[in-house]
Amino acid sequence: MFADDATSAPAEFLSFRTVSTPIGDILLAATAVGIVRVGLPTENPHLVATEVASRLGVPVRETSSLLDTAQTQLVEYFAGERLRFDVPLDWRFSDGFDLQVQRQLRHIPYGSTCSYKEVAKAIGNPHAMRAVGASCGANPLPILVPCHRVIRANGDLGGYRGGLPTKVALLTLEKQMLAQEDQAF
């Protein structure tokens, strides 16, 4: 379903781009394999870029066609024209349980939410709700891997790497776009 299974191929190079969105500037980091990191507006883009470059230890290239694709898909998402991202992802900053959780998050439909408990059940570990929450918080690819769609079983939002206002903005955007689509029919 997703062409994003790269977890250990050599990075070869690293490119960065900042994309202006309605929620603020988002930093995209790409390797030859795929998008490796998304920096949210609440994160310092210089620190994110420095951390990624340090961890990968590869040359920085000015641009890549992958960043063009990712930028286009983000713009489409915020315009309500894209319900699912299909840009290649480089999962090298996730492994084990985190990787299992984060891949499962990609199956949560646009405009929907599910609980940490539901995600835990879906990956076959029904008592791992807190660990699922930690995996969501460690997600290096927010928005592309929609951890913002995971909430508490009681309906409370829980946490979000980009802060609760960002989580609310993303969930509101998706619900509004779906409502507009429903009204069009």
N, C-alpha and C. Protein backbone atom coordinates (compact mmCIF):
# COMPACT_ATOMS: atom_id res chain seq x y z
N MET A 1 0.82 -1.20 0.00
CA MET A 1 0.00 0.00 0.00
C MET A 1 0.86 1.26 0.00
N PHE A 2 1.93 1.29 0.78
CA PHE A 2 2.81 2.44 0.85
C PHE A 2 4.18 2.04 0.33
N ALA A 3 4.75 2.88 -0.52
CA ALA A 3 6.10 2.61 -1.03
C ALA A 3 7.10 3.31 -0.12
N ASP A 4 7.25 2.80 1.09
CA ASP A 4 8.04 3.53 2.07
C ASP A 4 8.80 2.61 3.01
N ASP A 5 9.29 1.52 2.52
CA ASP A 5 9.86 0.53 3.41
C ASP A 5 11.35 0.66 3.64
N ALA A 6 11.98 1.71 3.18
CA ALA A 6 13.43 1.84 3.36
C ALA A 6 13.77 2.16 4.80
N THR A 7 14.57 1.30 5.42
CA THR A 7 14.99 1.54 6.80
C THR A 7 16.49 1.47 6.97
N SER A 8 17.23 0.94 6.00
CA SER A 8 18.66 0.79 6.22
C SER A 8 19.53 1.09 5.02
N ALA A 9 18.97 1.51 3.91
CA ALA A 9 19.79 1.84 2.74
C ALA A 9 20.66 3.04 3.06
N PRO A 10 21.83 3.16 2.43
CA PRO A 10 22.68 4.31 2.71
C PRO A 10 22.00 5.62 2.33
N ALA A 11 22.20 6.64 3.14
CA ALA A 11 21.55 7.93 2.91
C ALA A 11 22.15 8.66 1.71
N GLU A 12 23.43 8.53 1.44
CA GLU A 12 24.15 9.13 0.32
C GLU A 12 24.22 10.65 0.37
N PHE A 13 23.12 11.32 0.58
CA PHE A 13 23.11 12.77 0.70
C PHE A 13 21.90 13.19 1.52
N LEU A 14 21.88 14.46 1.86
CA LEU A 14 20.81 15.03 2.66
C LEU A 14 20.45 16.38 2.08
N SER A 15 19.17 16.66 1.96
CA SER A 15 18.69 17.96 1.48
C SER A 15 17.61 18.47 2.43
N PHE A 16 17.51 19.78 2.51
CA PHE A 16 16.51 20.41 3.39
C PHE A 16 15.70 21.42 2.60
N ARG A 17 14.46 21.61 3.04
CA ARG A 17 13.63 22.66 2.48
C ARG A 17 12.62 23.08 3.53
N THR A 18 12.35 24.37 3.58
CA THR A 18 11.30 24.90 4.46
C THR A 18 10.08 25.20 3.60
N VAL A 19 8.93 24.74 4.05
CA VAL A 19 7.68 24.93 3.33
C VAL A 19 6.75 25.77 4.20
N SER A 20 6.25 26.87 3.65
CA SER A 20 5.28 27.71 4.37
C SER A 20 3.90 27.05 4.28
N THR A 21 3.25 26.92 5.44
CA THR A 21 1.92 26.31 5.50
C THR A 21 1.03 27.17 6.39
N PRO A 22 -0.26 26.92 6.40
CA PRO A 22 -1.16 27.67 7.28
C PRO A 22 -0.85 27.53 8.77
N ILE A 23 -0.12 26.48 9.17
CA ILE A 23 0.22 26.32 10.58
C ILE A 23 1.62 26.83 10.89
N GLY A 24 2.32 27.34 9.90
CA GLY A 24 3.68 27.83 10.07
C GLY A 24 4.64 27.09 9.16
N ASP A 25 5.92 27.44 9.27
CA ASP A 25 6.93 26.83 8.42
C ASP A 25 7.26 25.42 8.87
N ILE A 26 7.31 24.51 7.90
CA ILE A 26 7.64 23.11 8.15
C ILE A 26 8.95 22.80 7.44
N LEU A 27 9.87 22.18 8.17
CA LEU A 27 11.15 21.78 7.59
C LEU A 27 11.05 20.35 7.10
N LEU A 28 11.46 20.13 5.86
CA LEU A 28 11.54 18.78 5.30
C LEU A 28 13.00 18.42 5.13
N ALA A 29 13.37 17.22 5.54
CA ALA A 29 14.72 16.70 5.33
C ALA A 29 14.59 15.43 4.51
N ALA A 30 15.38 15.33 3.43
CA ALA A 30 15.30 14.18 2.55
C ALA A 30 16.67 13.57 2.31
N THR A 31 16.69 12.26 2.20
CA THR A 31 17.86 11.53 1.75
C THR A 31 17.55 11.02 0.34
N ALA A 32 18.46 10.28 -0.23
CA ALA A 32 18.20 9.67 -1.54
C ALA A 32 17.08 8.65 -1.45
N VAL A 33 16.82 8.16 -0.24
CA VAL A 33 15.81 7.12 -0.02
C VAL A 33 14.41 7.70 0.12
N GLY A 34 14.26 8.80 0.85
CA GLY A 34 12.95 9.38 1.10
C GLY A 34 13.02 10.49 2.13
N ILE A 35 11.87 11.01 2.51
CA ILE A 35 11.81 12.03 3.55
C ILE A 35 12.20 11.35 4.86
N VAL A 36 13.18 11.92 5.55
CA VAL A 36 13.71 11.30 6.76
C VAL A 36 13.26 12.03 8.03
N ARG A 37 12.89 13.30 7.88
CA ARG A 37 12.48 14.08 9.06
C ARG A 37 11.60 15.22 8.62
N VAL A 38 10.57 15.48 9.41
CA VAL A 38 9.69 16.64 9.24
C VAL A 38 9.80 17.44 10.52
N GLY A 39 10.21 18.69 10.40
CA GLY A 39 10.28 19.59 11.55
C GLY A 39 9.05 20.47 11.58
N LEU A 40 8.32 20.43 12.67
CA LEU A 40 7.09 21.21 12.81
C LEU A 40 7.40 22.66 13.16
N PRO A 41 6.43 23.57 12.99
CA PRO A 41 6.67 24.99 13.26
C PRO A 41 7.16 25.29 14.68
N THR A 42 6.83 24.44 15.64
CA THR A 42 7.26 24.66 17.02
C THR A 42 8.70 24.23 17.26
N GLU A 43 9.31 23.56 16.29
CA GLU A 43 10.69 23.11 16.42
C GLU A 43 11.62 24.10 15.73
N ASN A 44 12.80 24.30 16.30
CA ASN A 44 13.80 25.17 15.69
C ASN A 44 14.36 24.48 14.45
N PRO A 45 14.14 25.05 13.25
CA PRO A 45 14.57 24.36 12.03
C PRO A 45 16.09 24.17 11.95
N HIS A 46 16.84 25.13 12.48
CA HIS A 46 18.30 24.99 12.47
C HIS A 46 18.74 23.82 13.34
N LEU A 47 18.13 23.69 14.51
CA LEU A 47 18.48 22.57 15.40
C LEU A 47 18.07 21.23 14.80
N VAL A 48 16.90 21.18 14.18
CA VAL A 48 16.46 19.94 13.54
C VAL A 48 17.42 19.56 12.42
N ALA A 49 17.76 20.53 11.57
CA ALA A 49 18.68 20.25 10.46
C ALA A 49 20.05 19.81 10.96
N THR A 50 20.54 20.46 12.00
CA THR A 50 21.84 20.10 12.58
C THR A 50 21.80 18.69 13.14
N GLU A 51 20.73 18.35 13.85
CA GLU A 51 20.59 17.01 14.43
C GLU A 51 20.56 15.94 13.34
N VAL A 52 19.79 16.17 12.29
CA VAL A 52 19.68 15.18 11.21
C VAL A 52 21.02 15.02 10.51
N ALA A 53 21.67 16.13 10.18
CA ALA A 53 22.96 16.08 9.50
C ALA A 53 24.00 15.36 10.35
N SER A 54 23.99 15.63 11.64
CA SER A 54 24.93 14.99 12.55
C SER A 54 24.69 13.48 12.64
N ARG A 55 23.44 13.08 12.74
CA ARG A 55 23.12 11.66 12.85
C ARG A 55 23.45 10.88 11.58
N LEU A 56 23.27 11.51 10.42
CA LEU A 56 23.50 10.80 9.16
C LEU A 56 24.93 10.92 8.67
N GLY A 57 25.59 12.04 8.95
CA GLY A 57 26.98 12.22 8.55
C GLY A 57 27.21 12.10 7.05
N VAL A 58 26.32 12.66 6.26
CA VAL A 58 26.46 12.63 4.80
C VAL A 58 26.47 14.05 4.26
N PRO A 59 26.95 14.24 3.02
CA PRO A 59 26.98 15.59 2.45
C PRO A 59 25.58 16.17 2.28
N VAL A 60 25.49 17.48 2.44
CA VAL A 60 24.23 18.18 2.23
C VAL A 60 24.20 18.67 0.79
N ARG A 61 23.12 18.37 0.12
CA ARG A 61 22.90 18.81 -1.25
C ARG A 61 21.82 19.88 -1.21
N GLU A 62 21.92 20.84 -2.12
CA GLU A 62 20.98 21.96 -2.08
C GLU A 62 19.53 21.54 -2.23
N THR A 63 19.25 20.66 -3.15
CA THR A 63 17.85 20.30 -3.38
C THR A 63 17.74 18.88 -3.90
N SER A 64 16.54 18.40 -3.96
CA SER A 64 16.27 17.09 -4.56
C SER A 64 14.85 17.09 -5.10
N SER A 65 14.60 16.28 -6.11
CA SER A 65 13.25 16.21 -6.67
C SER A 65 12.27 15.65 -5.64
N LEU A 66 12.78 14.87 -4.71
CA LEU A 66 11.93 14.34 -3.64
C LEU A 66 11.35 15.47 -2.79
N LEU A 67 12.15 16.50 -2.54
CA LEU A 67 11.64 17.65 -1.79
C LEU A 67 10.57 18.38 -2.58
N ASP A 68 10.73 18.46 -3.90
CA ASP A 68 9.69 19.07 -4.74
C ASP A 68 8.37 18.31 -4.57
N THR A 69 8.45 16.99 -4.63
CA THR A 69 7.26 16.15 -4.49
C THR A 69 6.63 16.32 -3.11
N ALA A 70 7.46 16.27 -2.07
CA ALA A 70 6.95 16.41 -0.70
C ALA A 70 6.31 17.78 -0.49
N GLN A 71 6.94 18.82 -1.01
CA GLN A 71 6.37 20.16 -0.88
C GLN A 71 5.02 20.24 -1.58
N THR A 72 4.94 19.72 -2.78
CA THR A 72 3.67 19.72 -3.52
C THR A 72 2.59 18.98 -2.74
N GLN A 73 2.94 17.83 -2.17
CA GLN A 73 1.95 17.06 -1.42
C GLN A 73 1.52 17.77 -0.15
N LEU A 74 2.44 18.46 0.53
CA LEU A 74 2.05 19.24 1.72
C LEU A 74 1.10 20.37 1.34
N VAL A 75 1.42 21.09 0.27
CA VAL A 75 0.56 22.18 -0.19
C VAL A 75 -0.83 21.63 -0.53
N GLU A 76 -0.87 20.50 -1.22
CA GLU A 76 -2.16 19.87 -1.55
C GLU A 76 -2.92 19.46 -0.29
N TYR A 77 -2.21 18.92 0.69
CA TYR A 77 -2.84 18.52 1.95
C TYR A 77 -3.50 19.72 2.62
N PHE A 78 -2.76 20.81 2.75
CA PHE A 78 -3.31 21.98 3.43
C PHE A 78 -4.42 22.66 2.62
N ALA A 79 -4.49 22.39 1.32
CA ALA A 79 -5.57 22.91 0.48
C ALA A 79 -6.77 21.96 0.46
N GLY A 80 -6.65 20.82 1.16
CA GLY A 80 -7.73 19.84 1.19
C GLY A 80 -7.81 18.99 -0.06
N GLU A 81 -6.74 18.99 -0.85
CA GLU A 81 -6.73 18.24 -2.11
C GLU A 81 -6.00 16.90 -2.00
N ARG A 82 -5.40 16.61 -0.86
CA ARG A 82 -4.66 15.36 -0.69
C ARG A 82 -5.08 14.74 0.63
N LEU A 83 -5.55 13.50 0.56
CA LEU A 83 -5.99 12.79 1.75
C LEU A 83 -4.93 11.84 2.28
N ARG A 84 -3.97 11.49 1.45
CA ARG A 84 -2.93 10.52 1.84
C ARG A 84 -1.63 10.90 1.14
N PHE A 85 -0.55 10.82 1.88
CA PHE A 85 0.77 11.10 1.31
C PHE A 85 1.34 9.83 0.71
N ASP A 86 1.95 9.96 -0.46
CA ASP A 86 2.61 8.80 -1.06
C ASP A 86 4.07 9.08 -1.41
N VAL A 87 4.60 10.15 -0.84
CA VAL A 87 6.02 10.44 -1.03
C VAL A 87 6.83 9.36 -0.30
N PRO A 88 7.94 8.90 -0.88
CA PRO A 88 8.76 7.88 -0.20
C PRO A 88 9.28 8.39 1.15
N LEU A 89 9.28 7.50 2.12
CA LEU A 89 9.78 7.84 3.46
C LEU A 89 11.03 7.03 3.77
N ASP A 90 11.94 7.66 4.47
CA ASP A 90 13.15 6.99 4.96
C ASP A 90 12.95 6.81 6.46
N TRP A 91 12.73 5.59 6.89
CA TRP A 91 12.36 5.27 8.27
C TRP A 91 13.56 5.08 9.19
N ARG A 92 14.75 5.47 8.80
CA ARG A 92 15.95 5.12 9.58
C ARG A 92 15.97 5.67 11.00
N PHE A 93 15.15 6.66 11.33
CA PHE A 93 15.13 7.19 12.70
C PHE A 93 14.08 6.50 13.57
N SER A 94 13.45 5.47 13.05
CA SER A 94 12.49 4.67 13.81
C SER A 94 12.88 3.20 13.67
N ASP A 95 12.69 2.45 14.74
CA ASP A 95 12.92 1.01 14.64
C ASP A 95 12.08 0.28 15.67
N GLY A 96 12.05 -1.03 15.56
CA GLY A 96 11.34 -1.86 16.53
C GLY A 96 9.89 -1.46 16.72
N PHE A 97 9.51 -1.29 17.98
CA PHE A 97 8.14 -0.96 18.34
C PHE A 97 7.71 0.37 17.73
N ASP A 98 8.59 1.38 17.79
CA ASP A 98 8.24 2.69 17.22
C ASP A 98 7.90 2.58 15.74
N LEU A 99 8.70 1.84 15.01
CA LEU A 99 8.46 1.67 13.58
C LEU A 99 7.13 0.96 13.33
N GLN A 100 6.84 -0.05 14.12
CA GLN A 100 5.59 -0.78 13.99
C GLN A 100 4.39 0.15 14.22
N VAL A 101 4.46 0.95 15.27
CA VAL A 101 3.39 1.90 15.57
C VAL A 101 3.26 2.93 14.46
N GLN A 102 4.37 3.54 14.07
CA GLN A 102 4.32 4.62 13.09
C GLN A 102 3.82 4.15 11.74
N ARG A 103 4.17 2.95 11.36
CA ARG A 103 3.61 2.42 10.10
C ARG A 103 2.10 2.20 10.23
N GLN A 104 1.65 1.78 11.39
CA GLN A 104 0.21 1.58 11.61
C GLN A 104 -0.55 2.91 11.52
N LEU A 105 0.06 3.98 11.96
CA LEU A 105 -0.59 5.29 11.94
C LEU A 105 -0.99 5.70 10.53
N ARG A 106 -0.27 5.24 9.54
CA ARG A 106 -0.57 5.60 8.16
C ARG A 106 -1.90 5.03 7.68
N HIS A 107 -2.47 4.13 8.44
CA HIS A 107 -3.75 3.52 8.07
C HIS A 107 -4.95 4.24 8.69
N ILE A 108 -4.70 5.26 9.49
CA ILE A 108 -5.81 6.05 10.07
C ILE A 108 -6.30 7.00 8.98
N PRO A 109 -7.55 6.91 8.59
CA PRO A 109 -8.04 7.73 7.48
C PRO A 109 -8.02 9.23 7.79
N TYR A 110 -7.84 9.99 6.75
CA TYR A 110 -7.92 11.45 6.79
C TYR A 110 -9.23 11.86 7.45
N GLY A 111 -9.16 12.81 8.37
CA GLY A 111 -10.36 13.31 9.02
C GLY A 111 -10.87 12.44 10.15
N SER A 112 -10.22 11.32 10.40
CA SER A 112 -10.63 10.40 11.47
C SER A 112 -9.64 10.46 12.62
N THR A 113 -10.06 9.95 13.74
CA THR A 113 -9.15 9.78 14.87
C THR A 113 -9.31 8.36 15.40
N CYS A 114 -8.32 7.91 16.12
CA CYS A 114 -8.45 6.65 16.85
C CYS A 114 -7.66 6.81 18.15
N SER A 115 -7.92 5.94 19.07
CA SER A 115 -7.28 6.06 20.38
C SER A 115 -5.94 5.33 20.40
N TYR A 116 -5.13 5.70 21.39
CA TYR A 116 -3.86 5.01 21.61
C TYR A 116 -4.12 3.52 21.81
N LYS A 117 -5.22 3.22 22.50
CA LYS A 117 -5.58 1.82 22.75
C LYS A 117 -5.91 1.09 21.45
N GLU A 118 -6.64 1.75 20.55
CA GLU A 118 -6.97 1.13 19.27
C GLU A 118 -5.72 0.85 18.44
N VAL A 119 -4.76 1.77 18.48
CA VAL A 119 -3.50 1.54 17.76
C VAL A 119 -2.77 0.36 18.39
N ALA A 120 -2.73 0.33 19.72
CA ALA A 120 -2.07 -0.78 20.42
C ALA A 120 -2.69 -2.12 20.03
N LYS A 121 -4.01 -2.17 19.98
CA LYS A 121 -4.70 -3.40 19.57
C LYS A 121 -4.36 -3.76 18.12
N ALA A 122 -4.33 -2.75 17.25
CA ALA A 122 -4.07 -3.00 15.83
C ALA A 122 -2.70 -3.60 15.57
N ILE A 123 -1.74 -3.29 16.45
CA ILE A 123 -0.40 -3.86 16.26
C ILE A 123 -0.20 -5.13 17.10
N GLY A 124 -1.28 -5.59 17.73
CA GLY A 124 -1.22 -6.84 18.47
C GLY A 124 -0.65 -6.74 19.87
N ASN A 125 -0.67 -5.54 20.45
CA ASN A 125 -0.13 -5.32 21.79
C ASN A 125 -1.12 -4.46 22.57
N PRO A 126 -2.30 -5.01 22.92
CA PRO A 126 -3.42 -4.22 23.41
C PRO A 126 -3.20 -3.46 24.71
N HIS A 127 -2.18 -3.78 25.47
CA HIS A 127 -1.94 -3.07 26.73
C HIS A 127 -0.84 -2.02 26.62
N ALA A 128 -0.40 -1.74 25.42
CA ALA A 128 0.75 -0.84 25.21
C ALA A 128 0.33 0.59 24.86
N MET A 129 -0.77 1.06 25.46
CA MET A 129 -1.26 2.40 25.12
C MET A 129 -0.22 3.49 25.39
N ARG A 130 0.43 3.43 26.54
CA ARG A 130 1.43 4.46 26.87
C ARG A 130 2.62 4.40 25.93
N ALA A 131 3.02 3.19 25.59
CA ALA A 131 4.14 3.03 24.64
C ALA A 131 3.76 3.55 23.26
N VAL A 132 2.50 3.37 22.87
CA VAL A 132 2.02 3.93 21.61
C VAL A 132 2.10 5.45 21.67
N GLY A 133 1.70 6.03 22.79
CA GLY A 133 1.80 7.48 22.95
C GLY A 133 3.24 7.96 22.83
N ALA A 134 4.17 7.22 23.43
CA ALA A 134 5.58 7.59 23.33
C ALA A 134 6.07 7.47 21.89
N SER A 135 5.61 6.46 21.17
CA SER A 135 5.99 6.30 19.77
C SER A 135 5.44 7.44 18.92
N CYS A 136 4.23 7.86 19.22
CA CYS A 136 3.66 9.02 18.51
C CYS A 136 4.52 10.25 18.77
N GLY A 137 4.93 10.44 20.02
CA GLY A 137 5.76 11.58 20.37
C GLY A 137 7.14 11.54 19.75
N ALA A 138 7.62 10.34 19.44
CA ALA A 138 8.95 10.18 18.84
C ALA A 138 8.89 10.16 17.31
N ASN A 139 7.71 10.28 16.74
CA ASN A 139 7.53 10.19 15.29
C ASN A 139 8.38 11.26 14.58
N PRO A 140 9.37 10.85 13.78
CA PRO A 140 10.19 11.82 13.08
C PRO A 140 9.53 12.38 11.82
N LEU A 141 8.36 11.87 11.48
CA LEU A 141 7.70 12.25 10.23
C LEU A 141 6.26 12.73 10.45
N PRO A 142 6.05 13.65 11.43
CA PRO A 142 4.68 14.09 11.69
C PRO A 142 4.03 14.69 10.44
N ILE A 143 2.76 14.64 10.39
CA ILE A 143 1.86 15.00 9.30
C ILE A 143 1.91 13.92 8.22
N LEU A 144 3.10 13.62 7.68
CA LEU A 144 3.21 12.55 6.69
C LEU A 144 2.81 11.21 7.30
N VAL A 145 3.20 11.01 8.54
CA VAL A 145 2.77 9.86 9.34
C VAL A 145 1.87 10.47 10.42
N PRO A 146 0.55 10.37 10.27
CA PRO A 146 -0.40 11.22 10.99
C PRO A 146 -0.63 10.88 12.47
N CYS A 147 0.38 11.10 13.27
CA CYS A 147 0.24 10.87 14.72
C CYS A 147 -0.74 11.85 15.34
N HIS A 148 -1.03 12.96 14.65
CA HIS A 148 -2.00 13.93 15.17
C HIS A 148 -3.41 13.33 15.23
N ARG A 149 -3.64 12.23 14.54
CA ARG A 149 -4.96 11.60 14.52
C ARG A 149 -5.18 10.64 15.69
N VAL A 150 -4.20 10.51 16.56
CA VAL A 150 -4.33 9.59 17.70
C VAL A 150 -4.67 10.40 18.95
N ILE A 151 -5.74 9.98 19.62
CA ILE A 151 -6.24 10.68 20.80
C ILE A 151 -6.45 9.67 21.93
N ARG A 152 -6.80 10.18 23.09
CA ARG A 152 -7.08 9.30 24.22
C ARG A 152 -8.45 8.63 24.04
N ALA A 153 -8.63 7.51 24.70
CA ALA A 153 -9.89 6.75 24.60
C ALA A 153 -11.09 7.56 25.06
N ASN A 154 -10.88 8.52 25.98
CA ASN A 154 -11.99 9.33 26.49
C ASN A 154 -12.29 10.54 25.60
N GLY A 155 -11.58 10.66 24.48
CA GLY A 155 -11.80 11.76 23.56
C GLY A 155 -10.88 12.94 23.75
N ASP A 156 -10.14 12.98 24.87
CA ASP A 156 -9.16 14.05 25.06
C ASP A 156 -8.07 13.92 24.00
N LEU A 157 -7.45 15.04 23.68
CA LEU A 157 -6.47 15.03 22.60
C LEU A 157 -5.17 14.31 22.92
N GLY A 158 -4.78 14.26 24.18
CA GLY A 158 -3.46 13.71 24.49
C GLY A 158 -2.40 14.75 24.15
N GLY A 159 -1.21 14.31 23.84
CA GLY A 159 -0.13 15.24 23.52
C GLY A 159 0.15 15.29 22.03
N TYR A 160 1.12 16.14 21.68
CA TYR A 160 1.57 16.24 20.29
C TYR A 160 2.93 16.92 20.27
N ARG A 161 3.84 16.35 19.51
CA ARG A 161 5.20 16.89 19.39
C ARG A 161 5.17 18.38 19.01
N GLY A 162 4.24 18.76 18.17
CA GLY A 162 4.15 20.14 17.72
C GLY A 162 3.28 21.02 18.60
N GLY A 163 2.83 20.50 19.73
CA GLY A 163 1.98 21.26 20.63
C GLY A 163 0.51 21.04 20.31
N LEU A 164 -0.32 21.18 21.33
CA LEU A 164 -1.76 20.94 21.14
C LEU A 164 -2.41 21.89 20.15
N PRO A 165 -2.02 23.19 20.10
CA PRO A 165 -2.64 24.05 19.09
C PRO A 165 -2.40 23.54 17.65
N THR A 166 -1.24 22.98 17.40
CA THR A 166 -0.95 22.43 16.07
C THR A 166 -1.80 21.19 15.82
N LYS A 167 -1.93 20.33 16.82
CA LYS A 167 -2.76 19.12 16.68
C LYS A 167 -4.21 19.52 16.39
N VAL A 168 -4.71 20.48 17.15
CA VAL A 168 -6.08 20.96 16.93
C VAL A 168 -6.23 21.53 15.52
N ALA A 169 -5.26 22.31 15.08
CA ALA A 169 -5.32 22.91 13.74
C ALA A 169 -5.37 21.84 12.65
N LEU A 170 -4.55 20.80 12.79
CA LEU A 170 -4.53 19.73 11.79
C LEU A 170 -5.84 18.94 11.78
N LEU A 171 -6.34 18.59 12.96
CA LEU A 171 -7.60 17.85 13.03
C LEU A 171 -8.77 18.70 12.52
N THR A 172 -8.77 19.98 12.85
CA THR A 172 -9.82 20.89 12.39
C THR A 172 -9.79 21.03 10.88
N LEU A 173 -8.59 21.21 10.33
CA LEU A 173 -8.43 21.32 8.88
C LEU A 173 -9.04 20.10 8.18
N GLU A 174 -8.69 18.92 8.65
CA GLU A 174 -9.18 17.69 8.02
C GLU A 174 -10.69 17.57 8.12
N LYS A 175 -11.24 17.87 9.28
CA LYS A 175 -12.69 17.77 9.45
C LYS A 175 -13.42 18.80 8.59
N GLN A 176 -12.87 20.02 8.50
CA GLN A 176 -13.49 21.05 7.67
C GLN A 176 -13.47 20.67 6.19
N MET A 177 -12.34 20.13 5.75
CA MET A 177 -12.23 19.75 4.34
C MET A 177 -13.21 18.62 4.01
N LEU A 178 -13.36 17.66 4.91
CA LEU A 178 -14.32 16.58 4.68
C LEU A 178 -15.75 17.11 4.67
N ALA A 179 -16.04 18.05 5.57
CA ALA A 179 -17.38 18.64 5.62
C ALA A 179 -17.69 19.39 4.33
N GLN A 180 -16.71 20.13 3.80
CA GLN A 180 -16.90 20.84 2.54
C GLN A 180 -17.14 19.87 1.39
N GLU A 181 -16.40 18.77 1.42
CA GLU A 181 -16.56 17.75 0.38
C GLU A 181 -17.96 17.13 0.45
N ASP A 182 -18.44 16.87 1.67
CA ASP A 182 -19.78 16.30 1.85
C ASP A 182 -20.85 17.25 1.34
N GLN A 183 -20.66 18.55 1.57
CA GLN A 183 -21.64 19.54 1.14
C GLN A 183 -21.67 19.68 -0.38
N ALA A 184 -20.55 19.37 -1.02
CA ALA A 184 -20.47 19.49 -2.48
C ALA A 184 -21.29 18.40 -3.18
N PHE A 185 -21.62 17.35 -2.45
CA PHE A 185 -22.36 16.23 -3.08
C PHE A 185 -23.79 16.25 -2.71
